[in-house]
Amino acid sequence: MIFSISLLGSFVTGALHMYGFFRLYSIVKAERPDWLQVRGSLSFFYDGLPRSGDPNVQVEVLRIAFGSRARQLRDPTAMRYAQWIRLFLPAALTLFVVGLAGTLSGAP
């Protein structure tokens, strides 16, 4: 039962992380689009998708959230969304690993 609750908590915190991620992405895109001009060797696979779907851009937004560049943004909510990412990403991963380990250990 506790592992099912852990997995449910993982999905809830994962959704909150994604909300904070997309809000921070839109703030950075509006204020400092040069920070998101990263392309990797396989970025051509993501040409038809929005820029937020490119894994290189996703990692760059995480670097902004976990680094000091979030403080350089003028929007006062940018730091709040960076803190959401800092809090909810590790929480979601921890809850998911606990739930997965418990589910696999109880499987026949």
PDB file of N, CA and C in Angstrom:
ATOM      1  N   MET A   1       0.816  -1.189   0.000  1.00  0.00           N
ATOM      2  CA  MET A   1       0.000   0.000   0.000  1.00  0.00           C
ATOM      3  C   MET A   1       0.863   1.259   0.000  1.00  0.00           C
ATOM      4  N   ILE A   2       1.915   1.248   0.802  1.00  0.00           N
ATOM      5  CA  ILE A   2       2.779   2.430   0.875  1.00  0.00           C
ATOM      6  C   ILE A   2       3.489   2.667  -0.458  1.00  0.00           C
ATOM      7  N   PHE A   3       3.766   1.586  -1.180  1.00  0.00           N
ATOM      8  CA  PHE A   3       4.458   1.741  -2.456  1.00  0.00           C
ATOM      9  C   PHE A   3       3.525   2.309  -3.520  1.00  0.00           C
ATOM     10  N   SER A   4       2.261   1.961  -3.450  1.00  0.00           N
ATOM     11  CA  SER A   4       1.284   2.541  -4.372  1.00  0.00           C
ATOM     12  C   SER A   4       1.123   4.031  -4.108  1.00  0.00           C
ATOM     13  N   ILE A   5       1.091   4.403  -2.846  1.00  0.00           N
ATOM     14  CA  ILE A   5       1.005   5.820  -2.487  1.00  0.00           C
ATOM     15  C   ILE A   5       2.263   6.547  -2.939  1.00  0.00           C
ATOM     16  N   SER A   6       3.403   5.880  -2.825  1.00  0.00           N
ATOM     17  CA  SER A   6       4.661   6.469  -3.272  1.00  0.00           C
ATOM     18  C   SER A   6       4.643   6.726  -4.778  1.00  0.00           C
ATOM     19  N   LEU A   7       4.130   5.773  -5.541  1.00  0.00           N
ATOM     20  CA  LEU A   7       4.039   5.971  -6.992  1.00  0.00           C
ATOM     21  C   LEU A   7       3.061   7.085  -7.339  1.00  0.00           C
ATOM     22  N   LEU A   8       1.946   7.150  -6.633  1.00  0.00           N
ATOM     23  CA  LEU A   8       0.985   8.221  -6.862  1.00  0.00           C
ATOM     24  C   LEU A   8       1.606   9.577  -6.527  1.00  0.00           C
ATOM     25  N   GLY A   9       2.328   9.643  -5.423  1.00  0.00           N
ATOM     26  CA  GLY A   9       3.033  10.877  -5.066  1.00  0.00           C
ATOM     27  C   GLY A   9       4.076  11.251  -6.096  1.00  0.00           C
ATOM     28  N   SER A  10       4.707  10.249  -6.687  1.00  0.00           N
ATOM     29  CA  SER A  10       5.690  10.499  -7.734  1.00  0.00           C
ATOM     30  C   SER A  10       5.046  11.160  -8.946  1.00  0.00           C
ATOM     31  N   PHE A  11       3.876  10.684  -9.330  1.00  0.00           N
ATOM     32  CA  PHE A  11       3.206  11.262 -10.491  1.00  0.00           C
ATOM     33  C   PHE A  11       2.719  12.680 -10.205  1.00  0.00           C
ATOM     34  N   VAL A  12       2.260  12.930  -8.981  1.00  0.00           N
ATOM     35  CA  VAL A  12       1.802  14.276  -8.620  1.00  0.00           C
ATOM     36  C   VAL A  12       2.979  15.246  -8.596  1.00  0.00           C
ATOM     37  N   THR A  13       4.074  14.860  -7.947  1.00  0.00           N
ATOM     38  CA  THR A  13       5.236  15.748  -7.902  1.00  0.00           C
ATOM     39  C   THR A  13       5.873  15.888  -9.277  1.00  0.00           C
ATOM     40  N   GLY A  14       5.797  14.851 -10.095  1.00  0.00           N
ATOM     41  CA  GLY A  14       6.292  14.956 -11.469  1.00  0.00           C
ATOM     42  C   GLY A  14       5.490  15.956 -12.279  1.00  0.00           C
ATOM     43  N   ALA A  15       4.180  15.967 -12.073  1.00  0.00           N
ATOM     44  CA  ALA A  15       3.337  16.942 -12.773  1.00  0.00           C
ATOM     45  C   ALA A  15       3.645  18.364 -12.308  1.00  0.00           C
ATOM     46  N   LEU A  16       3.872  18.543 -11.015  1.00  0.00           N
ATOM     47  CA  LEU A  16       4.236  19.869 -10.510  1.00  0.00           C
ATOM     48  C   LEU A  16       5.598  20.305 -11.045  1.00  0.00           C
ATOM     49  N   HIS A  17       6.523  19.359 -11.161  1.00  0.00           N
ATOM     50  CA  HIS A  17       7.828  19.669 -11.745  1.00  0.00           C
ATOM     51  C   HIS A  17       7.677  20.113 -13.196  1.00  0.00           C
ATOM     52  N   MET A  18       6.863  19.393 -13.957  1.00  0.00           N
ATOM     53  CA  MET A  18       6.676  19.752 -15.364  1.00  0.00           C
ATOM     54  C   MET A  18       6.002  21.117 -15.504  1.00  0.00           C
ATOM     55  N   TYR A  19       5.070  21.436 -14.622  1.00  0.00           N
ATOM     56  CA  TYR A  19       4.433  22.748 -14.640  1.00  0.00           C
ATOM     57  C   TYR A  19       5.481  23.839 -14.410  1.00  0.00           C
ATOM     58  N   GLY A  20       6.307  23.663 -13.386  1.00  0.00           N
ATOM     59  CA  GLY A  20       7.366  24.632 -13.119  1.00  0.00           C
ATOM     60  C   GLY A  20       8.369  24.718 -14.254  1.00  0.00           C
ATOM     61  N   PHE A  21       8.670  23.574 -14.868  1.00  0.00           N
ATOM     62  CA  PHE A  21       9.619  23.552 -15.982  1.00  0.00           C
ATOM     63  C   PHE A  21       9.108  24.382 -17.151  1.00  0.00           C
ATOM     64  N   PHE A  22       7.859  24.148 -17.557  1.00  0.00           N
ATOM     65  CA  PHE A  22       7.330  24.870 -18.714  1.00  0.00           C
ATOM     66  C   PHE A  22       7.120  26.349 -18.416  1.00  0.00           C
ATOM     67  N   ARG A  23       6.793  26.695 -17.185  1.00  0.00           N
ATOM     68  CA  ARG A  23       6.666  28.108 -16.840  1.00  0.00           C
ATOM     69  C   ARG A  23       8.035  28.784 -16.872  1.00  0.00           C
ATOM     70  N   LEU A  24       9.061  28.133 -16.316  1.00  0.00           N
ATOM     71  CA  LEU A  24      10.404  28.710 -16.353  1.00  0.00           C
ATOM     72  C   LEU A  24      10.916  28.781 -17.781  1.00  0.00           C
ATOM     73  N   TYR A  25      10.625  27.770 -18.588  1.00  0.00           N
ATOM     74  CA  TYR A  25      11.026  27.786 -19.994  1.00  0.00           C
ATOM     75  C   TYR A  25      10.421  28.985 -20.713  1.00  0.00           C
ATOM     76  N   SER A  26       9.142  29.257 -20.472  1.00  0.00           N
ATOM     77  CA  SER A  26       8.509  30.380 -21.161  1.00  0.00           C
ATOM     78  C   SER A  26       9.076  31.718 -20.692  1.00  0.00           C
ATOM     79  N   ILE A  27       9.442  31.825 -19.426  1.00  0.00           N
ATOM     80  CA  ILE A  27      10.050  33.062 -18.923  1.00  0.00           C
ATOM     81  C   ILE A  27      11.422  33.266 -19.547  1.00  0.00           C
ATOM     82  N   VAL A  28      12.235  32.212 -19.573  1.00  0.00           N
ATOM     83  CA  VAL A  28      13.576  32.317 -20.158  1.00  0.00           C
ATOM     84  C   VAL A  28      13.477  32.604 -21.650  1.00  0.00           C
ATOM     85  N   LYS A  29      12.538  31.966 -22.321  1.00  0.00           N
ATOM     86  CA  LYS A  29      12.355  32.187 -23.758  1.00  0.00           C
ATOM     87  C   LYS A  29      11.974  33.634 -24.052  1.00  0.00           C
ATOM     88  N   ALA A  30      11.177  34.248 -23.174  1.00  0.00           N
ATOM     89  CA  ALA A  30      10.758  35.634 -23.377  1.00  0.00           C
ATOM     90  C   ALA A  30      11.868  36.627 -23.040  1.00  0.00           C
ATOM     91  N   GLU A  31      12.624  36.363 -21.968  1.00  0.00           N
ATOM     92  CA  GLU A  31      13.618  37.329 -21.513  1.00  0.00           C
ATOM     93  C   GLU A  31      15.002  37.115 -22.114  1.00  0.00           C
ATOM     94  N   ARG A  32      15.449  35.894 -22.142  1.00  0.00           N
ATOM     95  CA  ARG A  32      16.818  35.596 -22.597  1.00  0.00           C
ATOM     96  C   ARG A  32      16.811  34.430 -23.573  1.00  0.00           C
ATOM     97  N   PRO A  33      16.310  34.611 -24.794  1.00  0.00           N
ATOM     98  CA  PRO A  33      16.256  33.489 -25.743  1.00  0.00           C
ATOM     99  C   PRO A  33      17.636  32.986 -26.152  1.00  0.00           C
ATOM    100  N   ASP A  34      18.665  33.809 -25.967  1.00  0.00           N
ATOM    101  CA  ASP A  34      20.019  33.368 -26.313  1.00  0.00           C
ATOM    102  C   ASP A  34      20.493  32.235 -25.405  1.00  0.00           C
ATOM    103  N   TRP A  35      19.957  32.133 -24.200  1.00  0.00           N
ATOM    104  CA  TRP A  35      20.334  31.040 -23.305  1.00  0.00           C
ATOM    105  C   TRP A  35      19.825  29.700 -23.810  1.00  0.00           C
ATOM    106  N   LEU A  36      18.798  29.716 -24.642  1.00  0.00           N
ATOM    107  CA  LEU A  36      18.187  28.473 -25.114  1.00  0.00           C
ATOM    108  C   LEU A  36      18.629  28.107 -26.518  1.00  0.00           C
ATOM    109  N   GLN A  37      19.607  28.790 -27.059  1.00  0.00           N
ATOM    110  CA  GLN A  37      20.088  28.505 -28.410  1.00  0.00           C
ATOM    111  C   GLN A  37      21.164  27.427 -28.374  1.00  0.00           C
ATOM    112  N   VAL A  38      20.829  26.295 -27.836  1.00  0.00           N
ATOM    113  CA  VAL A  38      21.756  25.165 -27.776  1.00  0.00           C
ATOM    114  C   VAL A  38      21.276  24.095 -28.744  1.00  0.00           C
ATOM    115  N   ARG A  39      22.227  23.493 -29.420  1.00  0.00           N
ATOM    116  CA  ARG A  39      21.911  22.395 -30.340  1.00  0.00           C
ATOM    117  C   ARG A  39      22.980  21.334 -30.165  1.00  0.00           C
ATOM    118  N   GLY A  40      22.525  20.115 -30.070  1.00  0.00           N
ATOM    119  CA  GLY A  40      23.432  18.989 -29.986  1.00  0.00           C
ATOM    120  C   GLY A  40      23.580  18.340 -31.345  1.00  0.00           C
ATOM    121  N   SER A  41      24.376  17.305 -31.402  1.00  0.00           N
ATOM    122  CA  SER A  41      24.622  16.635 -32.676  1.00  0.00           C
ATOM    123  C   SER A  41      23.376  15.923 -33.198  1.00  0.00           C
ATOM    124  N   LEU A  42      22.443  15.565 -32.318  1.00  0.00           N
ATOM    125  CA  LEU A  42      21.229  14.866 -32.738  1.00  0.00           C
ATOM    126  C   LEU A  42      19.988  15.750 -32.661  1.00  0.00           C
ATOM    127  N   SER A  43      20.169  17.052 -32.583  1.00  0.00           N
ATOM    128  CA  SER A  43      19.026  17.954 -32.459  1.00  0.00           C
ATOM    129  C   SER A  43      18.164  17.990 -33.708  1.00  0.00           C
ATOM    130  N   PHE A  44      18.693  17.529 -34.839  1.00  0.00           N
ATOM    131  CA  PHE A  44      17.889  17.540 -36.060  1.00  0.00           C
ATOM    132  C   PHE A  44      16.695  16.590 -35.955  1.00  0.00           C
ATOM    133  N   PHE A  45      16.748  15.631 -35.027  1.00  0.00           N
ATOM    134  CA  PHE A  45      15.601  14.746 -34.813  1.00  0.00           C
ATOM    135  C   PHE A  45      14.397  15.512 -34.264  1.00  0.00           C
ATOM    136  N   TYR A  46      14.640  16.636 -33.625  1.00  0.00           N
ATOM    137  CA  TYR A  46      13.589  17.385 -32.940  1.00  0.00           C
ATOM    138  C   TYR A  46      13.202  18.651 -33.689  1.00  0.00           C
ATOM    139  N   ASP A  47      13.523  18.745 -34.973  1.00  0.00           N
ATOM    140  CA  ASP A  47      13.238  19.957 -35.733  1.00  0.00           C
ATOM    141  C   ASP A  47      11.749  20.235 -35.865  1.00  0.00           C
ATOM    142  N   GLY A  48      10.906  19.239 -35.947  1.00  0.00           N
ATOM    143  CA  GLY A  48       9.471  19.448 -36.093  1.00  0.00           C
ATOM    144  C   GLY A  48       8.745  19.687 -34.784  1.00  0.00           C
ATOM    145  N   LEU A  49       9.431  19.547 -33.678  1.00  0.00           N
ATOM    146  CA  LEU A  49       8.818  19.704 -32.357  1.00  0.00           C
ATOM    147  C   LEU A  49       9.076  21.102 -31.811  1.00  0.00           C
ATOM    148  N   PRO A  50       8.325  21.501 -30.787  1.00  0.00           N
ATOM    149  CA  PRO A  50       8.658  22.763 -30.115  1.00  0.00           C
ATOM    150  C   PRO A  50      10.054  22.673 -29.498  1.00  0.00           C
ATOM    151  N   ARG A  51      10.672  23.820 -29.304  1.00  0.00           N
ATOM    152  CA  ARG A  51      12.039  23.832 -28.762  1.00  0.00           C
ATOM    153  C   ARG A  51      12.105  23.196 -27.377  1.00  0.00           C
ATOM    154  N   SER A  52      11.024  23.249 -26.623  1.00  0.00           N
ATOM    155  CA  SER A  52      11.038  22.649 -25.288  1.00  0.00           C
ATOM    156  C   SER A  52      11.106  21.128 -25.351  1.00  0.00           C
ATOM    157  N   GLY A  53      10.866  20.534 -26.511  1.00  0.00           N
ATOM    158  CA  GLY A  53      10.952  19.087 -26.665  1.00  0.00           C
ATOM    159  C   GLY A  53      12.354  18.586 -26.939  1.00  0.00           C
ATOM    160  N   ASP A  54      13.270  19.491 -27.248  1.00  0.00           N
ATOM    161  CA  ASP A  54      14.659  19.110 -27.508  1.00  0.00           C
ATOM    162  C   ASP A  54      15.354  18.812 -26.175  1.00  0.00           C
ATOM    163  N   PRO A  55      15.943  17.632 -26.001  1.00  0.00           N
ATOM    164  CA  PRO A  55      16.600  17.308 -24.729  1.00  0.00           C
ATOM    165  C   PRO A  55      17.726  18.273 -24.361  1.00  0.00           C
ATOM    166  N   ASN A  56      18.405  18.835 -25.350  1.00  0.00           N
ATOM    167  CA  ASN A  56      19.466  19.797 -25.041  1.00  0.00           C
ATOM    168  C   ASN A  56      18.895  21.066 -24.417  1.00  0.00           C
ATOM    169  N   VAL A  57      17.745  21.504 -24.890  1.00  0.00           N
ATOM    170  CA  VAL A  57      17.083  22.672 -24.312  1.00  0.00           C
ATOM    171  C   VAL A  57      16.563  22.331 -22.919  1.00  0.00           C
ATOM    172  N   GLN A  58      16.042  21.131 -22.741  1.00  0.00           N
ATOM    173  CA  GLN A  58      15.549  20.718 -21.427  1.00  0.00           C
ATOM    174  C   GLN A  58      16.671  20.721 -20.395  1.00  0.00           C
ATOM    175  N   VAL A  59      17.822  20.215 -20.781  1.00  0.00           N
ATOM    176  CA  VAL A  59      18.962  20.208 -19.860  1.00  0.00           C
ATOM    177  C   VAL A  59      19.414  21.632 -19.571  1.00  0.00           C
ATOM    178  N   GLU A  60      19.346  22.501 -20.561  1.00  0.00           N
ATOM    179  CA  GLU A  60      19.738  23.897 -20.349  1.00  0.00           C
ATOM    180  C   GLU A  60      18.787  24.589 -19.370  1.00  0.00           C
ATOM    181  N   VAL A  61      17.492  24.307 -19.465  1.00  0.00           N
ATOM    182  CA  VAL A  61      16.537  24.885 -18.510  1.00  0.00           C
ATOM    183  C   VAL A  61      16.816  24.346 -17.109  1.00  0.00           C
ATOM    184  N   LEU A  62      17.159  23.075 -16.991  1.00  0.00           N
ATOM    185  CA  LEU A  62      17.517  22.524 -15.677  1.00  0.00           C
ATOM    186  C   LEU A  62      18.797  23.167 -15.148  1.00  0.00           C
ATOM    187  N   ARG A  63      19.750  23.438 -16.034  1.00  0.00           N
ATOM    188  CA  ARG A  63      20.977  24.124 -15.604  1.00  0.00           C
ATOM    189  C   ARG A  63      20.667  25.528 -15.109  1.00  0.00           C
ATOM    190  N   ILE A  64      19.729  26.198 -15.765  1.00  0.00           N
ATOM    191  CA  ILE A  64      19.322  27.532 -15.320  1.00  0.00           C
ATOM    192  C   ILE A  64      18.643  27.437 -13.958  1.00  0.00           C
ATOM    193  N   ALA A  65      17.769  26.450 -13.786  1.00  0.00           N
ATOM    194  CA  ALA A  65      17.026  26.311 -12.528  1.00  0.00           C
ATOM    195  C   ALA A  65      17.941  25.961 -11.363  1.00  0.00           C
ATOM    196  N   PHE A  66      18.911  25.082 -11.587  1.00  0.00           N
ATOM    197  CA  PHE A  66      19.791  24.658 -10.508  1.00  0.00           C
ATOM    198  C   PHE A  66      21.012  25.556 -10.353  1.00  0.00           C
ATOM    199  N   GLY A  67      21.237  26.455 -11.292  1.00  0.00           N
ATOM    200  CA  GLY A  67      22.377  27.357 -11.223  1.00  0.00           C
ATOM    201  C   GLY A  67      21.975  28.730 -10.724  1.00  0.00           C
ATOM    202  N   SER A  68      22.857  29.689 -10.959  1.00  0.00           N
ATOM    203  CA  SER A  68      22.612  31.053 -10.485  1.00  0.00           C
ATOM    204  C   SER A  68      21.964  31.942 -11.541  1.00  0.00           C
ATOM    205  N   ARG A  69      21.780  31.437 -12.752  1.00  0.00           N
ATOM    206  CA  ARG A  69      21.229  32.289 -13.807  1.00  0.00           C
ATOM    207  C   ARG A  69      19.759  32.614 -13.605  1.00  0.00           C
ATOM    208  N   ALA A  70      19.035  31.841 -12.819  1.00  0.00           N
ATOM    209  CA  ALA A  70      17.619  32.142 -12.571  1.00  0.00           C
ATOM    210  C   ALA A  70      17.468  33.470 -11.840  1.00  0.00           C
ATOM    211  N   ARG A  71      18.453  33.846 -11.051  1.00  0.00           N
ATOM    212  CA  ARG A  71      18.403  35.127 -10.334  1.00  0.00           C
ATOM    213  C   ARG A  71      18.604  36.311 -11.274  1.00  0.00           C
ATOM    214  N   GLN A  72      19.170  36.078 -12.442  1.00  0.00           N
ATOM    215  CA  GLN A  72      19.427  37.161 -13.388  1.00  0.00           C
ATOM    216  C   GLN A  72      18.192  37.545 -14.191  1.00  0.00           C
ATOM    217  N   LEU A  73      17.136  36.771 -14.095  1.00  0.00           N
ATOM    218  CA  LEU A  73      15.914  37.066 -14.836  1.00  0.00           C
ATOM    219  C   LEU A  73      15.116  38.152 -14.112  1.00  0.00           C
ATOM    220  N   ARG A  74      14.455  39.011 -14.889  1.00  0.00           N
ATOM    221  CA  ARG A  74      13.718  40.133 -14.314  1.00  0.00           C
ATOM    222  C   ARG A  74      12.368  39.715 -13.736  1.00  0.00           C
ATOM    223  N   ASP A  75      11.777  38.680 -14.262  1.00  0.00           N
ATOM    224  CA  ASP A  75      10.465  38.240 -13.793  1.00  0.00           C
ATOM    225  C   ASP A  75      10.585  37.700 -12.366  1.00  0.00           C
ATOM    226  N   PRO A  76       9.807  38.230 -11.428  1.00  0.00           N
ATOM    227  CA  PRO A  76       9.938  37.765 -10.039  1.00  0.00           C
ATOM    228  C   PRO A  76       9.489  36.323  -9.826  1.00  0.00           C
ATOM    229  N   THR A  77       8.674  35.793 -10.738  1.00  0.00           N
ATOM    230  CA  THR A  77       8.225  34.410 -10.561  1.00  0.00           C
ATOM    231  C   THR A  77       9.244  33.399 -11.072  1.00  0.00           C
ATOM    232  N   ALA A  78      10.274  33.861 -11.759  1.00  0.00           N
ATOM    233  CA  ALA A  78      11.276  32.935 -12.306  1.00  0.00           C
ATOM    234  C   ALA A  78      11.977  32.167 -11.193  1.00  0.00           C
ATOM    235  N   MET A  79      12.329  32.856 -10.139  1.00  0.00           N
ATOM    236  CA  MET A  79      13.018  32.184  -9.036  1.00  0.00           C
ATOM    237  C   MET A  79      12.085  31.201  -8.333  1.00  0.00           C
ATOM    238  N   ARG A  80      10.801  31.533  -8.274  1.00  0.00           N
ATOM    239  CA  ARG A  80       9.843  30.611  -7.653  1.00  0.00           C
ATOM    240  C   ARG A  80       9.742  29.319  -8.453  1.00  0.00           C
ATOM    241  N   TYR A  81       9.679  29.428  -9.778  1.00  0.00           N
ATOM    242  CA  TYR A  81       9.593  28.221 -10.599  1.00  0.00           C
ATOM    243  C   TYR A  81      10.906  27.448 -10.586  1.00  0.00           C
ATOM    244  N   ALA A  82      12.020  28.147 -10.473  1.00  0.00           N
ATOM    245  CA  ALA A  82      13.303  27.454 -10.332  1.00  0.00           C
ATOM    246  C   ALA A  82      13.328  26.662  -9.022  1.00  0.00           C
ATOM    247  N   GLN A  83      12.780  27.241  -7.971  1.00  0.00           N
ATOM    248  CA  GLN A  83      12.714  26.522  -6.696  1.00  0.00           C
ATOM    249  C   GLN A  83      11.759  25.337  -6.776  1.00  0.00           C
ATOM    250  N   TRP A  84      10.678  25.474  -7.542  1.00  0.00           N
ATOM    251  CA  TRP A  84       9.776  24.336  -7.754  1.00  0.00           C
ATOM    252  C   TRP A  84      10.532  23.187  -8.391  1.00  0.00           C
ATOM    253  N   ILE A  85      11.328  23.501  -9.405  1.00  0.00           N
ATOM    254  CA  ILE A  85      12.089  22.455 -10.095  1.00  0.00           C
ATOM    255  C   ILE A  85      13.104  21.841  -9.143  1.00  0.00           C
ATOM    256  N   ARG A  86      13.778  22.673  -8.363  1.00  0.00           N
ATOM    257  CA  ARG A  86      14.767  22.171  -7.406  1.00  0.00           C
ATOM    258  C   ARG A  86      14.141  21.263  -6.357  1.00  0.00           C
ATOM    259  N   LEU A  87      12.902  21.522  -6.003  1.00  0.00           N
ATOM    260  CA  LEU A  87      12.230  20.728  -4.978  1.00  0.00           C
ATOM    261  C   LEU A  87      11.558  19.491  -5.559  1.00  0.00           C
ATOM    262  N   PHE A  88      10.776  19.673  -6.622  1.00  0.00           N
ATOM    263  CA  PHE A  88       9.913  18.593  -7.095  1.00  0.00           C
ATOM    264  C   PHE A  88      10.626  17.563  -7.964  1.00  0.00           C
ATOM    265  N   LEU A  89      11.689  17.922  -8.658  1.00  0.00           N
ATOM    266  CA  LEU A  89      12.394  16.922  -9.468  1.00  0.00           C
ATOM    267  C   LEU A  89      13.033  15.843  -8.595  1.00  0.00           C
ATOM    268  N   PRO A  90      13.839  16.191  -7.585  1.00  0.00           N
ATOM    269  CA  PRO A  90      14.390  15.125  -6.733  1.00  0.00           C
ATOM    270  C   PRO A  90      13.309  14.366  -5.956  1.00  0.00           C
ATOM    271  N   ALA A  91      12.258  15.066  -5.534  1.00  0.00           N
ATOM    272  CA  ALA A  91      11.183  14.389  -4.798  1.00  0.00           C
ATOM    273  C   ALA A  91      10.479  13.373  -5.684  1.00  0.00           C
ATOM    274  N   ALA A  92      10.193  13.750  -6.924  1.00  0.00           N
ATOM    275  CA  ALA A  92       9.518  12.823  -7.840  1.00  0.00           C
ATOM    276  C   ALA A  92      10.395  11.616  -8.134  1.00  0.00           C
ATOM    277  N   LEU A  93      11.678  11.845  -8.346  1.00  0.00           N
ATOM    278  CA  LEU A  93      12.577  10.726  -8.633  1.00  0.00           C
ATOM    279  C   LEU A  93      12.704   9.793  -7.434  1.00  0.00           C
ATOM    280  N   THR A  94      12.811  10.356  -6.240  1.00  0.00           N
ATOM    281  CA  THR A  94      12.928   9.537  -5.033  1.00  0.00           C
ATOM    282  C   THR A  94      11.667   8.712  -4.801  1.00  0.00           C
ATOM    283  N   LEU A  95      10.513   9.353  -4.913  1.00  0.00           N
ATOM    284  CA  LEU A  95       9.257   8.620  -4.722  1.00  0.00           C
ATOM    285  C   LEU A  95       9.073   7.543  -5.778  1.00  0.00           C
ATOM    286  N   PHE A  96       9.483   7.818  -7.007  1.00  0.00           N
ATOM    287  CA  PHE A  96       9.351   6.823  -8.063  1.00  0.00           C
ATOM    288  C   PHE A  96      10.247   5.618  -7.800  1.00  0.00           C
ATOM    289  N   VAL A  97      11.484   5.857  -7.389  1.00  0.00           N
ATOM    290  CA  VAL A  97      12.404   4.749  -7.115  1.00  0.00           C
ATOM    291  C   VAL A  97      11.897   3.915  -5.940  1.00  0.00           C
ATOM    292  N   VAL A  98      11.398   4.566  -4.893  1.00  0.00           N
ATOM    293  CA  VAL A  98      10.862   3.829  -3.743  1.00  0.00           C
ATOM    294  C   VAL A  98       9.656   2.999  -4.163  1.00  0.00           C
ATOM    295  N   GLY A  99       8.753   3.595  -4.921  1.00  0.00           N
ATOM    296  CA  GLY A  99       7.570   2.860  -5.373  1.00  0.00           C
ATOM    297  C   GLY A  99       7.911   1.726  -6.309  1.00  0.00           C
ATOM    298  N   LEU A 100       8.854   1.956  -7.206  1.00  0.00           N
ATOM    299  CA  LEU A 100       9.259   0.906  -8.142  1.00  0.00           C
ATOM    300  C   LEU A 100       9.957  -0.240  -7.422  1.00  0.00           C
ATOM    301  N   ALA A 101      10.852   0.095  -6.494  1.00  0.00           N
ATOM    302  CA  ALA A 101      11.548  -0.956  -5.745  1.00  0.00           C
ATOM    303  C   ALA A 101      10.567  -1.773  -4.915  1.00  0.00           C
ATOM    304  N   GLY A 102       9.615  -1.110  -4.293  1.00  0.00           N
ATOM    305  CA  GLY A 102       8.623  -1.837  -3.504  1.00  0.00           C
ATOM    306  C   GLY A 102       7.724  -2.707  -4.353  1.00  0.00           C
ATOM    307  N   THR A 103       7.358  -2.207  -5.510  1.00  0.00           N
ATOM    308  CA  THR A 103       6.512  -2.990  -6.408  1.00  0.00           C
ATOM    309  C   THR A 103       7.259  -4.204  -6.936  1.00  0.00           C
ATOM    310  N   LEU A 104       8.507  -4.024  -7.305  1.00  0.00           N
ATOM    311  CA  LEU A 104       9.291  -5.141  -7.836  1.00  0.00           C
ATOM    312  C   LEU A 104       9.647  -6.158  -6.760  1.00  0.00           C
ATOM    313  N   SER A 105       9.855  -5.695  -5.533  1.00  0.00           N
ATOM    314  CA  SER A 105      10.190  -6.646  -4.468  1.00  0.00           C
ATOM    315  C   SER A 105       8.970  -7.461  -4.044  1.00  0.00           C
ATOM    316  N   GLY A 106       7.781  -6.924  -4.223  1.00  0.00           N
ATOM    317  CA  GLY A 106       6.574  -7.653  -3.863  1.00  0.00           C
ATOM    318  C   GLY A 106       5.994  -8.457  -5.006  1.00  0.00           C
ATOM    319  N   ALA A 107       6.594  -8.365  -6.184  1.00  0.00           N
ATOM    320  CA  ALA A 107       6.073  -9.092  -7.351  1.00  0.00           C
ATOM    321  C   ALA A 107       6.424 -10.570  -7.239  1.00  0.00           C
ATOM    322  N   PRO A 108       5.513 -11.438  -7.690  1.00  0.00           N
ATOM    323  CA  PRO A 108       5.798 -12.881  -7.602  1.00  0.00           C
ATOM    324  C   PRO A 108       6.835 -13.330  -8.618  1.00  0.00           C
TER     325      PRO A 108
END
